Amino acid sequence: MSGLDFEKPIVELEKKIQELKGFISDKKIDLSSEVSRLEEKLKQLREDTYSSLTPWQRVQIARHPQRPYTLDYIGMIMSDFIELHGDRSFSDDKAIVAGLAKIDNQKILVMGHQKGRDTKENLRRNFGCAHPEGYRKALRLMRLAEEFNLPIVIFIDTPGAYPGMGAEERGQAWAIALNLREMMSVAVPIVAIVIGEGGSGGALGIGIADRVCVLENAYYSVISPEGCAAILWKNGSKAPDAAQVLKLTGPDLLKMGIIDEIIPEPLGGAHTNPEAMAKIIKEAINKDLKQLNSIKTDELLKLRYKKFREMGIVG
């Protein structure tokens, strides 16, 4: 484990403990008390580090290459997943995966952005940046879920919608805007969880939901810290300052009414214990679906509309 910059003291202490254990094994010397002391120090260092993360440090964790992605959570949380493809107009966008699944005995439609683990896979998934056909696929399947009265679970993890010329020519802005409008009237419960990056319209294009949750070390923002820094300061190195003023992490988002819940992560981030993270997410989904399933459809849609219309009101 190389670790992020702010994790270097932790990594160094972990390495020191491993070296000491190796020395003890080789020399047959009893230094168990010293190992225990260092392990206690490591535990405290981890708690101190991860309990006082800056917004920029949380952004770094949200982008960690080993962080679980949509298909990882589907595999750990759900069963009987059948992926569905295509927008019936242009093509199938691999940056958004979607399909039918079960969570316990509840049949659902699940969808989300999908990144890759290596260069080849990232190129195929377009680094989780969806094209307009991805948003059209998402809307087509949401209407299918509505027809069969299936709740929808959405995992958000994208730097933003793909800004290339081809995407613009095929109606990127229109596709996202249409989803914003149409998701307001999809007559089944919708739960959306930001599991990593929640970048701009790319995230919001599948983010209109009755419950919007953000993982503890995820972020949800109108623009990336780097993009904001380039605009405001003409200097990308100001990204940590931009992350601070954008108020893009859970506590600020919750305070402003942008999200409904912060889902805690294992100490060090979701990538340190994906199975534990999946269990926590599953509990949150089941809780939210139980509450939402008890609300009559007309009332559900009124509350969803009211929720988003009230965002941004000051005073």
C-alpha atoms as a PDB file:
ATOM      1  CA  MET A   1       0.000   0.000   0.000  1.00  0.00           C
ATOM      2  CA  SER A   2       1.577   3.275  -1.145  1.00  0.00           C
ATOM      3  CA  GLY A   3      -1.164   5.440   0.322  1.00  0.00           C
ATOM      4  CA  LEU A   4      -2.283   8.972  -0.372  1.00  0.00           C
ATOM      5  CA  ASP A   5      -0.025  11.861   0.667  1.00  0.00           C
ATOM      6  CA  PHE A   6      -1.766  12.417   3.995  1.00  0.00           C
ATOM      7  CA  GLU A   7      -1.634   8.676   4.715  1.00  0.00           C
ATOM      8  CA  LYS A   8       2.170   8.441   4.536  1.00  0.00           C
ATOM      9  CA  PRO A   9       2.712   8.506   8.345  1.00  0.00           C
ATOM     10  CA  ILE A  10       0.243   5.611   8.627  1.00  0.00           C
ATOM     11  CA  VAL A  11       1.940   3.655   5.845  1.00  0.00           C
ATOM     12  CA  GLU A  12       5.372   4.223   7.366  1.00  0.00           C
ATOM     13  CA  LEU A  13       4.236   3.013  10.779  1.00  0.00           C
ATOM     14  CA  GLU A  14       2.577  -0.053   9.226  1.00  0.00           C
ATOM     15  CA  LYS A  15       5.847  -0.828   7.448  1.00  0.00           C
ATOM     16  CA  LYS A  16       7.800  -0.414  10.687  1.00  0.00           C
ATOM     17  CA  ILE A  17       5.493  -2.849  12.498  1.00  0.00           C
ATOM     18  CA  GLN A  18       5.817  -5.432   9.737  1.00  0.00           C
ATOM     19  CA  GLU A  19       9.613  -5.107   9.780  1.00  0.00           C
ATOM     20  CA  LEU A  20       9.660  -5.537  13.548  1.00  0.00           C
ATOM     21  CA  LYS A  21       7.482  -8.656  13.325  1.00  0.00           C
ATOM     22  CA  GLY A  22       9.840 -10.051  10.686  1.00  0.00           C
ATOM     23  CA  PHE A  23      12.850  -9.335  12.902  1.00  0.00           C
ATOM     24  CA  ILE A  24      11.168 -11.042  15.873  1.00  0.00           C
ATOM     25  CA  SER A  25      10.380 -14.096  13.731  1.00  0.00           C
ATOM     26  CA  ASP A  26      13.964 -14.344  12.437  1.00  0.00           C
ATOM     27  CA  LYS A  27      15.785 -13.717  15.729  1.00  0.00           C
ATOM     28  CA  LYS A  28      13.287 -15.480  18.020  1.00  0.00           C
ATOM     29  CA  ILE A  29      13.256 -12.454  20.336  1.00  0.00           C
ATOM     30  CA  ASP A  30      10.222 -11.525  22.434  1.00  0.00           C
ATOM     31  CA  LEU A  31       9.351  -7.932  21.594  1.00  0.00           C
ATOM     32  CA  SER A  32       5.591  -8.398  21.814  1.00  0.00           C
ATOM     33  CA  SER A  33       5.187  -5.431  24.163  1.00  0.00           C
ATOM     34  CA  GLU A  34       6.865  -3.116  21.641  1.00  0.00           C
ATOM     35  CA  VAL A  35       4.674  -4.467  18.825  1.00  0.00           C
ATOM     36  CA  SER A  36       1.569  -3.916  20.950  1.00  0.00           C
ATOM     37  CA  ARG A  37       2.670  -0.362  21.715  1.00  0.00           C
ATOM     38  CA  LEU A  38       3.214   0.420  18.033  1.00  0.00           C
ATOM     39  CA  GLU A  39      -0.090  -1.188  17.018  1.00  0.00           C
ATOM     40  CA  GLU A  40      -1.893   0.938  19.600  1.00  0.00           C
ATOM     41  CA  LYS A  41      -0.096   3.989  18.251  1.00  0.00           C
ATOM     42  CA  LEU A  42      -1.139   3.009  14.715  1.00  0.00           C
ATOM     43  CA  LYS A  43      -4.762   2.636  15.779  1.00  0.00           C
ATOM     44  CA  GLN A  44      -4.747   6.079  17.369  1.00  0.00           C
ATOM     45  CA  LEU A  45      -2.998   7.612  14.357  1.00  0.00           C
ATOM     46  CA  ARG A  46      -5.641   6.187  12.028  1.00  0.00           C
ATOM     47  CA  GLU A  47      -8.466   7.488  14.184  1.00  0.00           C
ATOM     48  CA  ASP A  48      -6.893  10.934  14.438  1.00  0.00           C
ATOM     49  CA  THR A  49      -6.196  11.103  10.696  1.00  0.00           C
ATOM     50  CA  TYR A  50      -9.560   9.943   9.396  1.00  0.00           C
ATOM     51  CA  SER A  51     -11.651  11.836  11.930  1.00  0.00           C
ATOM     52  CA  SER A  52     -10.266  15.194  10.793  1.00  0.00           C
ATOM     53  CA  LEU A  53     -10.051  14.908   7.003  1.00  0.00           C
ATOM     54  CA  THR A  54     -10.230  18.066   4.926  1.00  0.00           C
ATOM     55  CA  PRO A  55     -12.675  18.239   1.983  1.00  0.00           C
ATOM     56  CA  TRP A  56      -9.761  17.819  -0.436  1.00  0.00           C
ATOM     57  CA  GLN A  57      -8.559  14.708   1.369  1.00  0.00           C
ATOM     58  CA  ARG A  58     -12.067  13.242   1.107  1.00  0.00           C
ATOM     59  CA  VAL A  59     -12.039  14.002  -2.622  1.00  0.00           C
ATOM     60  CA  GLN A  60      -8.783  12.040  -2.882  1.00  0.00           C
ATOM     61  CA  ILE A  61     -10.335   9.068  -1.083  1.00  0.00           C
ATOM     62  CA  ALA A  62     -13.435   9.297  -3.313  1.00  0.00           C
ATOM     63  CA  ARG A  63     -11.112   8.867  -6.316  1.00  0.00           C
ATOM     64  CA  HIS A  64      -9.054   6.026  -4.835  1.00  0.00           C
ATOM     65  CA  PRO A  65      -8.424   3.462  -7.613  1.00  0.00           C
ATOM     66  CA  GLN A  66      -9.337   0.553  -5.312  1.00  0.00           C
ATOM     67  CA  ARG A  67     -12.621   2.072  -4.170  1.00  0.00           C
ATOM     68  CA  PRO A  68     -15.597  -0.229  -4.925  1.00  0.00           C
ATOM     69  CA  TYR A  69     -17.599   0.655  -8.041  1.00  0.00           C
ATOM     70  CA  THR A  70     -21.221   0.054  -9.023  1.00  0.00           C
ATOM     71  CA  LEU A  71     -20.744  -3.519 -10.269  1.00  0.00           C
ATOM     72  CA  ASP A  72     -18.781  -4.368  -7.107  1.00  0.00           C
ATOM     73  CA  TYR A  73     -21.690  -3.294  -4.914  1.00  0.00           C
ATOM     74  CA  ILE A  74     -24.241  -5.035  -7.128  1.00  0.00           C
ATOM     75  CA  GLY A  75     -22.248  -8.254  -6.748  1.00  0.00           C
ATOM     76  CA  MET A  76     -21.957  -7.914  -2.962  1.00  0.00           C
ATOM     77  CA  ILE A  77     -25.434  -6.581  -2.153  1.00  0.00           C
ATOM     78  CA  MET A  78     -27.790  -8.011  -4.752  1.00  0.00           C
ATOM     79  CA  SER A  79     -28.654 -11.284  -6.444  1.00  0.00           C
ATOM     80  CA  ASP A  80     -30.054 -12.409  -9.811  1.00  0.00           C
ATOM     81  CA  PHE A  81     -28.631  -9.375 -11.613  1.00  0.00           C
ATOM     82  CA  ILE A  82     -29.521  -9.254 -15.306  1.00  0.00           C
ATOM     83  CA  GLU A  83     -27.902  -6.380 -17.173  1.00  0.00           C
ATOM     84  CA  LEU A  84     -30.011  -4.547 -19.751  1.00  0.00           C
ATOM     85  CA  HIS A  85     -28.465  -2.640 -22.627  1.00  0.00           C
ATOM     86  CA  GLY A  86     -29.013   0.149 -25.095  1.00  0.00           C
ATOM     87  CA  ASP A  87     -31.016   3.326 -25.563  1.00  0.00           C
ATOM     88  CA  ARG A  88     -32.916   1.971 -28.614  1.00  0.00           C
ATOM     89  CA  SER A  89     -31.665   4.961 -30.558  1.00  0.00           C
ATOM     90  CA  PHE A  90     -27.869   5.008 -30.912  1.00  0.00           C
ATOM     91  CA  SER A  91     -25.865   2.510 -28.839  1.00  0.00           C
ATOM     92  CA  ASP A  92     -25.158   1.010 -25.441  1.00  0.00           C
ATOM     93  CA  ASP A  93     -23.110   3.289 -23.186  1.00  0.00           C
ATOM     94  CA  LYS A  94     -20.732   1.232 -21.026  1.00  0.00           C
ATOM     95  CA  ALA A  95     -20.249   4.156 -18.607  1.00  0.00           C
ATOM     96  CA  ILE A  96     -23.701   3.458 -17.153  1.00  0.00           C
ATOM     97  CA  VAL A  97     -24.684  -0.082 -16.201  1.00  0.00           C
ATOM     98  CA  ALA A  98     -28.272  -1.023 -15.420  1.00  0.00           C
ATOM     99  CA  GLY A  99     -30.417  -4.065 -14.937  1.00  0.00           C
ATOM    100  CA  LEU A 100     -32.892  -6.047 -12.904  1.00  0.00           C
ATOM    101  CA  ALA A 101     -31.868  -7.510  -9.560  1.00  0.00           C
ATOM    102  CA  LYS A 102     -33.047  -8.537  -6.123  1.00  0.00           C
ATOM    103  CA  ILE A 103     -32.009  -7.140  -2.767  1.00  0.00           C
ATOM    104  CA  ASP A 104     -33.103  -9.834  -0.334  1.00  0.00           C
ATOM    105  CA  ASN A 105     -36.625 -10.613  -1.627  1.00  0.00           C
ATOM    106  CA  GLN A 106     -37.254  -7.147  -3.088  1.00  0.00           C
ATOM    107  CA  LYS A 107     -37.165  -6.953  -6.884  1.00  0.00           C
ATOM    108  CA  ILE A 108     -35.578  -3.713  -8.094  1.00  0.00           C
ATOM    109  CA  LEU A 109     -34.036  -1.907 -11.022  1.00  0.00           C
ATOM    110  CA  VAL A 110     -30.429  -0.963 -10.261  1.00  0.00           C
ATOM    111  CA  MET A 111     -28.179   1.363 -12.239  1.00  0.00           C
ATOM    112  CA  GLY A 112     -25.061   3.431 -11.834  1.00  0.00           C
ATOM    113  CA  HIS A 113     -21.901   4.851 -13.326  1.00  0.00           C
ATOM    114  CA  GLN A 114     -19.115   2.348 -13.857  1.00  0.00           C
ATOM    115  CA  LYS A 115     -15.384   3.084 -13.995  1.00  0.00           C
ATOM    116  CA  GLY A 116     -12.581   0.690 -14.928  1.00  0.00           C
ATOM    117  CA  ARG A 117      -9.734  -0.802 -12.914  1.00  0.00           C
ATOM    118  CA  ASP A 118      -7.100  -0.488 -15.631  1.00  0.00           C
ATOM    119  CA  THR A 119      -6.492   1.626 -18.735  1.00  0.00           C
ATOM    120  CA  LYS A 120      -8.215  -0.777 -21.115  1.00  0.00           C
ATOM    121  CA  GLU A 121     -11.319  -1.051 -18.953  1.00  0.00           C
ATOM    122  CA  ASN A 122     -11.375   2.687 -18.283  1.00  0.00           C
ATOM    123  CA  LEU A 123     -11.344   3.369 -22.018  1.00  0.00           C
ATOM    124  CA  ARG A 124     -14.247   0.967 -22.472  1.00  0.00           C
ATOM    125  CA  ARG A 125     -16.146   2.590 -19.607  1.00  0.00           C
ATOM    126  CA  ASN A 126     -15.033   6.090 -20.645  1.00  0.00           C
ATOM    127  CA  PHE A 127     -13.757   6.667 -17.076  1.00  0.00           C
ATOM    128  CA  GLY A 128     -17.362   6.662 -15.832  1.00  0.00           C
ATOM    129  CA  CYS A 129     -18.276   9.693 -17.966  1.00  0.00           C
ATOM    130  CA  ALA A 130     -21.577   8.931 -19.662  1.00  0.00           C
ATOM    131  CA  HIS A 131     -22.643   9.894 -23.175  1.00  0.00           C
ATOM    132  CA  PRO A 132     -26.217  10.996 -23.964  1.00  0.00           C
ATOM    133  CA  GLU A 133     -27.109   7.416 -24.913  1.00  0.00           C
ATOM    134  CA  GLY A 134     -26.237   6.426 -21.344  1.00  0.00           C
ATOM    135  CA  TYR A 135     -28.769   8.867 -19.921  1.00  0.00           C
ATOM    136  CA  ARG A 136     -31.345   7.778 -22.507  1.00  0.00           C
ATOM    137  CA  LYS A 137     -30.757   4.145 -21.546  1.00  0.00           C
ATOM    138  CA  ALA A 138     -31.223   5.080 -17.891  1.00  0.00           C
ATOM    139  CA  LEU A 139     -34.516   6.854 -18.580  1.00  0.00           C
ATOM    140  CA  ARG A 140     -35.799   4.021 -20.784  1.00  0.00           C
ATOM    141  CA  LEU A 141     -35.184   1.529 -18.012  1.00  0.00           C
ATOM    142  CA  MET A 142     -36.661   3.781 -15.326  1.00  0.00           C
ATOM    143  CA  ARG A 143     -39.869   3.851 -17.343  1.00  0.00           C
ATOM    144  CA  LEU A 144     -39.674   0.048 -17.550  1.00  0.00           C
ATOM    145  CA  ALA A 145     -39.316  -0.111 -13.758  1.00  0.00           C
ATOM    146  CA  GLU A 146     -42.360   2.137 -13.448  1.00  0.00           C
ATOM    147  CA  GLU A 147     -44.363  -0.178 -15.698  1.00  0.00           C
ATOM    148  CA  PHE A 148     -43.546  -3.185 -13.513  1.00  0.00           C
ATOM    149  CA  ASN A 149     -43.717  -1.241 -10.220  1.00  0.00           C
ATOM    150  CA  LEU A 150     -40.072  -1.852  -9.332  1.00  0.00           C
ATOM    151  CA  PRO A 151     -38.205   0.477  -6.936  1.00  0.00           C
ATOM    152  CA  ILE A 152     -35.030   1.988  -8.378  1.00  0.00           C
ATOM    153  CA  VAL A 153     -31.595   2.015  -6.714  1.00  0.00           C
ATOM    154  CA  ILE A 154     -28.925   4.254  -8.258  1.00  0.00           C
ATOM    155  CA  PHE A 155     -25.174   4.404  -7.618  1.00  0.00           C
ATOM    156  CA  ILE A 156     -23.550   7.704  -8.619  1.00  0.00           C
ATOM    157  CA  ASP A 157     -19.810   7.808  -9.339  1.00  0.00           C
ATOM    158  CA  THR A 158     -18.657  10.089 -12.133  1.00  0.00           C
ATOM    159  CA  PRO A 159     -16.339  13.072 -12.628  1.00  0.00           C
ATOM    160  CA  GLY A 160     -19.059  14.430 -14.934  1.00  0.00           C
ATOM    161  CA  ALA A 161     -20.871  13.758 -18.189  1.00  0.00           C
ATOM    162  CA  TYR A 162     -18.608  13.300 -21.203  1.00  0.00           C
ATOM    163  CA  PRO A 163     -17.990  16.749 -22.788  1.00  0.00           C
ATOM    164  CA  GLY A 164     -16.717  15.581 -26.196  1.00  0.00           C
ATOM    165  CA  MET A 165     -17.944  16.867 -29.536  1.00  0.00           C
ATOM    166  CA  GLY A 166     -19.765  13.648 -30.411  1.00  0.00           C
ATOM    167  CA  ALA A 167     -21.669  13.697 -27.140  1.00  0.00           C
ATOM    168  CA  GLU A 168     -22.658  17.324 -27.690  1.00  0.00           C
ATOM    169  CA  GLU A 169     -23.742  16.579 -31.265  1.00  0.00           C
ATOM    170  CA  ARG A 170     -25.976  13.771 -29.999  1.00  0.00           C
ATOM    171  CA  GLY A 171     -27.664  16.018 -27.428  1.00  0.00           C
ATOM    172  CA  GLN A 172     -25.801  15.656 -24.146  1.00  0.00           C
ATOM    173  CA  ALA A 173     -27.406  18.660 -22.452  1.00  0.00           C
ATOM    174  CA  TRP A 174     -30.836  17.717 -23.782  1.00  0.00           C
ATOM    175  CA  ALA A 175     -30.532  14.128 -22.528  1.00  0.00           C
ATOM    176  CA  ILE A 176     -29.572  15.262 -19.016  1.00  0.00           C
ATOM    177  CA  ALA A 177     -32.260  17.952 -18.914  1.00  0.00           C
ATOM    178  CA  LEU A 178     -34.887  15.458 -20.057  1.00  0.00           C
ATOM    179  CA  ASN A 179     -33.884  13.064 -17.267  1.00  0.00           C
ATOM    180  CA  LEU A 180     -34.154  15.854 -14.679  1.00  0.00           C
ATOM    181  CA  ARG A 181     -37.702  16.536 -15.805  1.00  0.00           C
ATOM    182  CA  GLU A 182     -38.860  12.973 -16.322  1.00  0.00           C
ATOM    183  CA  MET A 183     -37.398  11.527 -13.131  1.00  0.00           C
ATOM    184  CA  MET A 184     -39.664  13.850 -11.188  1.00  0.00           C
ATOM    185  CA  SER A 185     -42.645  11.837 -12.399  1.00  0.00           C
ATOM    186  CA  VAL A 186     -41.309   8.257 -12.330  1.00  0.00           C
ATOM    187  CA  ALA A 187     -43.975   6.720 -10.122  1.00  0.00           C
ATOM    188  CA  VAL A 188     -41.876   4.306  -8.050  1.00  0.00           C
ATOM    189  CA  PRO A 189     -39.527   4.878  -5.090  1.00  0.00           C
ATOM    190  CA  ILE A 190     -36.007   5.997  -6.063  1.00  0.00           C
ATOM    191  CA  VAL A 191     -32.917   5.792  -3.835  1.00  0.00           C
ATOM    192  CA  ALA A 192     -29.665   7.355  -5.076  1.00  0.00           C
ATOM    193  CA  ILE A 193     -26.289   6.918  -3.379  1.00  0.00           C
ATOM    194  CA  VAL A 194     -23.131   8.850  -4.270  1.00  0.00           C
ATOM    195  CA  ILE A 195     -20.455   6.182  -3.789  1.00  0.00           C
ATOM    196  CA  GLY A 196     -17.446   8.151  -5.045  1.00  0.00           C
ATOM    197  CA  GLU A 197     -17.456  11.186  -7.293  1.00  0.00           C
ATOM    198  CA  GLY A 198     -20.682  13.103  -7.809  1.00  0.00           C
ATOM    199  CA  GLY A 199     -19.686  15.479 -10.576  1.00  0.00           C
ATOM    200  CA  SER A 200     -22.058  18.122 -11.917  1.00  0.00           C
ATOM    201  CA  GLY A 201     -24.856  17.300 -14.378  1.00  0.00           C
ATOM    202  CA  GLY A 202     -23.234  13.945 -15.039  1.00  0.00           C
ATOM    203  CA  ALA A 203     -24.258  12.922 -11.530  1.00  0.00           C
ATOM    204  CA  LEU A 204     -27.556  14.775 -11.423  1.00  0.00           C
ATOM    205  CA  GLY A 205     -28.642  13.180 -14.724  1.00  0.00           C
ATOM    206  CA  ILE A 206     -29.503  10.023 -12.756  1.00  0.00           C
ATOM    207  CA  GLY A 207     -29.708  11.712  -9.361  1.00  0.00           C
ATOM    208  CA  ILE A 208     -33.317  12.853  -8.965  1.00  0.00           C
ATOM    209  CA  ALA A 209     -34.465  10.602  -6.123  1.00  0.00           C
ATOM    210  CA  ASP A 210     -36.689  10.411  -3.072  1.00  0.00           C
ATOM    211  CA  ARG A 211     -33.637   9.660  -0.939  1.00  0.00           C
ATOM    212  CA  VAL A 212     -30.220  11.016  -1.870  1.00  0.00           C
ATOM    213  CA  CYS A 213     -27.375   9.620   0.229  1.00  0.00           C
ATOM    214  CA  VAL A 214     -23.635  10.292   0.136  1.00  0.00           C
ATOM    215  CA  LEU A 215     -20.925   8.011   1.456  1.00  0.00           C
ATOM    216  CA  GLU A 216     -18.766   9.572   4.154  1.00  0.00           C
ATOM    217  CA  ASN A 217     -15.789  10.048   1.839  1.00  0.00           C
ATOM    218  CA  ALA A 218     -17.675  10.794  -1.376  1.00  0.00           C
ATOM    219  CA  TYR A 219     -18.398  14.226  -2.797  1.00  0.00           C
ATOM    220  CA  TYR A 220     -21.266  15.830  -4.719  1.00  0.00           C
ATOM    221  CA  SER A 221     -20.589  19.098  -6.509  1.00  0.00           C
ATOM    222  CA  VAL A 222     -21.573  21.344  -9.400  1.00  0.00           C
ATOM    223  CA  ILE A 223     -17.951  21.291 -10.569  1.00  0.00           C
ATOM    224  CA  SER A 224     -14.719  19.494  -9.733  1.00  0.00           C
ATOM    225  CA  PRO A 225     -12.279  21.234  -7.380  1.00  0.00           C
ATOM    226  CA  GLU A 226      -9.735  21.433 -10.223  1.00  0.00           C
ATOM    227  CA  GLY A 227     -12.285  22.988 -12.581  1.00  0.00           C
ATOM    228  CA  CYS A 228     -13.360  25.503  -9.975  1.00  0.00           C
ATOM    229  CA  ALA A 229      -9.741  26.419  -9.220  1.00  0.00           C
ATOM    230  CA  ALA A 230      -9.015  26.923 -12.922  1.00  0.00           C
ATOM    231  CA  ILE A 231     -11.967  29.304 -13.256  1.00  0.00           C
ATOM    232  CA  LEU A 232     -11.606  31.295 -10.021  1.00  0.00           C
ATOM    233  CA  TRP A 233      -7.831  31.381  -9.580  1.00  0.00           C
ATOM    234  CA  LYS A 234      -6.590  30.384 -13.061  1.00  0.00           C
ATOM    235  CA  ASN A 235      -4.517  27.849 -11.164  1.00  0.00           C
ATOM    236  CA  GLY A 236      -5.316  24.151 -10.816  1.00  0.00           C
ATOM    237  CA  SER A 237      -3.054  23.846  -7.770  1.00  0.00           C
ATOM    238  CA  LYS A 238      -5.717  25.739  -5.817  1.00  0.00           C
ATOM    239  CA  ALA A 239      -7.947  22.651  -5.940  1.00  0.00           C
ATOM    240  CA  PRO A 240      -7.701  22.061  -2.145  1.00  0.00           C
ATOM    241  CA  ASP A 241      -8.938  25.621  -1.551  1.00  0.00           C
ATOM    242  CA  ALA A 242     -11.729  25.104  -4.067  1.00  0.00           C
ATOM    243  CA  ALA A 243     -12.798  21.889  -2.346  1.00  0.00           C
ATOM    244  CA  GLN A 244     -13.102  23.845   0.890  1.00  0.00           C
ATOM    245  CA  VAL A 245     -15.305  26.618  -0.507  1.00  0.00           C
ATOM    246  CA  LEU A 246     -17.449  24.367  -2.703  1.00  0.00           C
ATOM    247  CA  LYS A 247     -18.888  22.618   0.389  1.00  0.00           C
ATOM    248  CA  LEU A 248     -19.029  19.341  -1.486  1.00  0.00           C
ATOM    249  CA  THR A 249     -18.780  16.794   1.340  1.00  0.00           C
ATOM    250  CA  GLY A 250     -21.497  15.172   3.418  1.00  0.00           C
ATOM    251  CA  PRO A 251     -21.835  17.498   6.419  1.00  0.00           C
ATOM    252  CA  ASP A 252     -22.210  20.647   4.305  1.00  0.00           C
ATOM    253  CA  LEU A 253     -24.509  18.924   1.814  1.00  0.00           C
ATOM    254  CA  LEU A 254     -26.711  17.664   4.635  1.00  0.00           C
ATOM    255  CA  LYS A 255     -26.823  21.097   6.261  1.00  0.00           C
ATOM    256  CA  MET A 256     -27.898  22.700   2.970  1.00  0.00           C
ATOM    257  CA  GLY A 257     -30.600  20.093   2.367  1.00  0.00           C
ATOM    258  CA  ILE A 258     -28.961  18.743  -0.796  1.00  0.00           C
ATOM    259  CA  ILE A 259     -28.795  15.206   0.576  1.00  0.00           C
ATOM    260  CA  ASP A 260     -30.826  13.208   3.081  1.00  0.00           C
ATOM    261  CA  GLU A 261     -28.190  11.044   4.720  1.00  0.00           C
ATOM    262  CA  ILE A 262     -24.453  10.458   5.153  1.00  0.00           C
ATOM    263  CA  ILE A 263     -23.582   6.767   5.071  1.00  0.00           C
ATOM    264  CA  PRO A 264     -20.533   6.005   7.264  1.00  0.00           C
ATOM    265  CA  GLU A 265     -17.523   4.192   5.813  1.00  0.00           C
ATOM    266  CA  PRO A 266     -15.049   1.799   7.429  1.00  0.00           C
ATOM    267  CA  LEU A 267     -12.061   3.587   8.940  1.00  0.00           C
ATOM    268  CA  GLY A 268      -9.760   4.600   6.086  1.00  0.00           C
ATOM    269  CA  GLY A 269     -12.421   4.488   3.388  1.00  0.00           C
ATOM    270  CA  ALA A 270     -14.656   2.025   1.564  1.00  0.00           C
ATOM    271  CA  HIS A 271     -11.690   0.438  -0.229  1.00  0.00           C
ATOM    272  CA  THR A 272     -10.177  -0.785   3.044  1.00  0.00           C
ATOM    273  CA  ASN A 273     -13.127  -3.117   3.693  1.00  0.00           C
ATOM    274  CA  PRO A 274     -15.498  -3.388   0.704  1.00  0.00           C
ATOM    275  CA  GLU A 275     -17.574  -6.167   2.283  1.00  0.00           C
ATOM    276  CA  ALA A 276     -18.287  -4.089   5.391  1.00  0.00           C
ATOM    277  CA  MET A 277     -19.111  -1.089   3.205  1.00  0.00           C
ATOM    278  CA  ALA A 278     -21.518  -3.167   1.123  1.00  0.00           C
ATOM    279  CA  LYS A 279     -23.276  -4.378   4.258  1.00  0.00           C
ATOM    280  CA  ILE A 280     -23.728  -0.798   5.505  1.00  0.00           C
ATOM    281  CA  ILE A 281     -25.077   0.318   2.116  1.00  0.00           C
ATOM    282  CA  LYS A 282     -27.472  -2.625   1.969  1.00  0.00           C
ATOM    283  CA  GLU A 283     -28.884  -1.726   5.369  1.00  0.00           C
ATOM    284  CA  ALA A 284     -29.360   1.886   4.245  1.00  0.00           C
ATOM    285  CA  ILE A 285     -31.112   0.831   1.021  1.00  0.00           C
ATOM    286  CA  ASN A 286     -33.441  -1.565   2.838  1.00  0.00           C
ATOM    287  CA  LYS A 287     -34.302   1.100   5.414  1.00  0.00           C
ATOM    288  CA  ASP A 288     -35.060   3.726   2.775  1.00  0.00           C
ATOM    289  CA  LEU A 289     -37.074   1.385   0.543  1.00  0.00           C
ATOM    290  CA  LYS A 290     -39.160   0.238   3.512  1.00  0.00           C
ATOM    291  CA  GLN A 291     -40.025   3.855   4.309  1.00  0.00           C
ATOM    292  CA  LEU A 292     -40.672   4.853   0.698  1.00  0.00           C
ATOM    293  CA  ASN A 293     -42.768   1.785  -0.121  1.00  0.00           C
ATOM    294  CA  SER A 294     -45.193   2.808   2.617  1.00  0.00           C
ATOM    295  CA  ILE A 295     -45.906   6.193   0.972  1.00  0.00           C
ATOM    296  CA  LYS A 296     -48.724   6.440  -1.566  1.00  0.00           C
ATOM    297  CA  THR A 297     -47.547   7.211  -5.092  1.00  0.00           C
ATOM    298  CA  ASP A 298     -49.221  10.616  -5.401  1.00  0.00           C
ATOM    299  CA  GLU A 299     -47.715  11.752  -2.105  1.00  0.00           C
ATOM    300  CA  LEU A 300     -44.315  10.309  -3.041  1.00  0.00           C
ATOM    301  CA  LEU A 301     -44.192  12.370  -6.236  1.00  0.00           C
ATOM    302  CA  LYS A 302     -45.313  15.530  -4.443  1.00  0.00           C
ATOM    303  CA  LEU A 303     -42.589  15.105  -1.817  1.00  0.00           C
ATOM    304  CA  ARG A 304     -39.941  14.438  -4.480  1.00  0.00           C
ATOM    305  CA  TYR A 305     -40.895  17.571  -6.405  1.00  0.00           C
ATOM    306  CA  LYS A 306     -41.005  19.670  -3.233  1.00  0.00           C
ATOM    307  CA  LYS A 307     -37.605  18.351  -2.131  1.00  0.00           C
ATOM    308  CA  PHE A 308     -35.814  19.568  -5.245  1.00  0.00           C
ATOM    309  CA  ARG A 309     -37.784  22.803  -5.665  1.00  0.00           C
ATOM    310  CA  GLU A 310     -36.702  23.901  -2.200  1.00  0.00           C
ATOM    311  CA  MET A 311     -33.005  23.518  -2.927  1.00  0.00           C
ATOM    312  CA  GLY A 312     -31.139  26.795  -3.259  1.00  0.00           C
ATOM    313  CA  ILE A 313     -33.729  28.904  -1.443  1.00  0.00           C
ATOM    314  CA  VAL A 314     -32.011  31.395   0.843  1.00  0.00           C
ATOM    315  CA  GLY A 315     -33.754  33.282   3.642  1.00  0.00           C
END
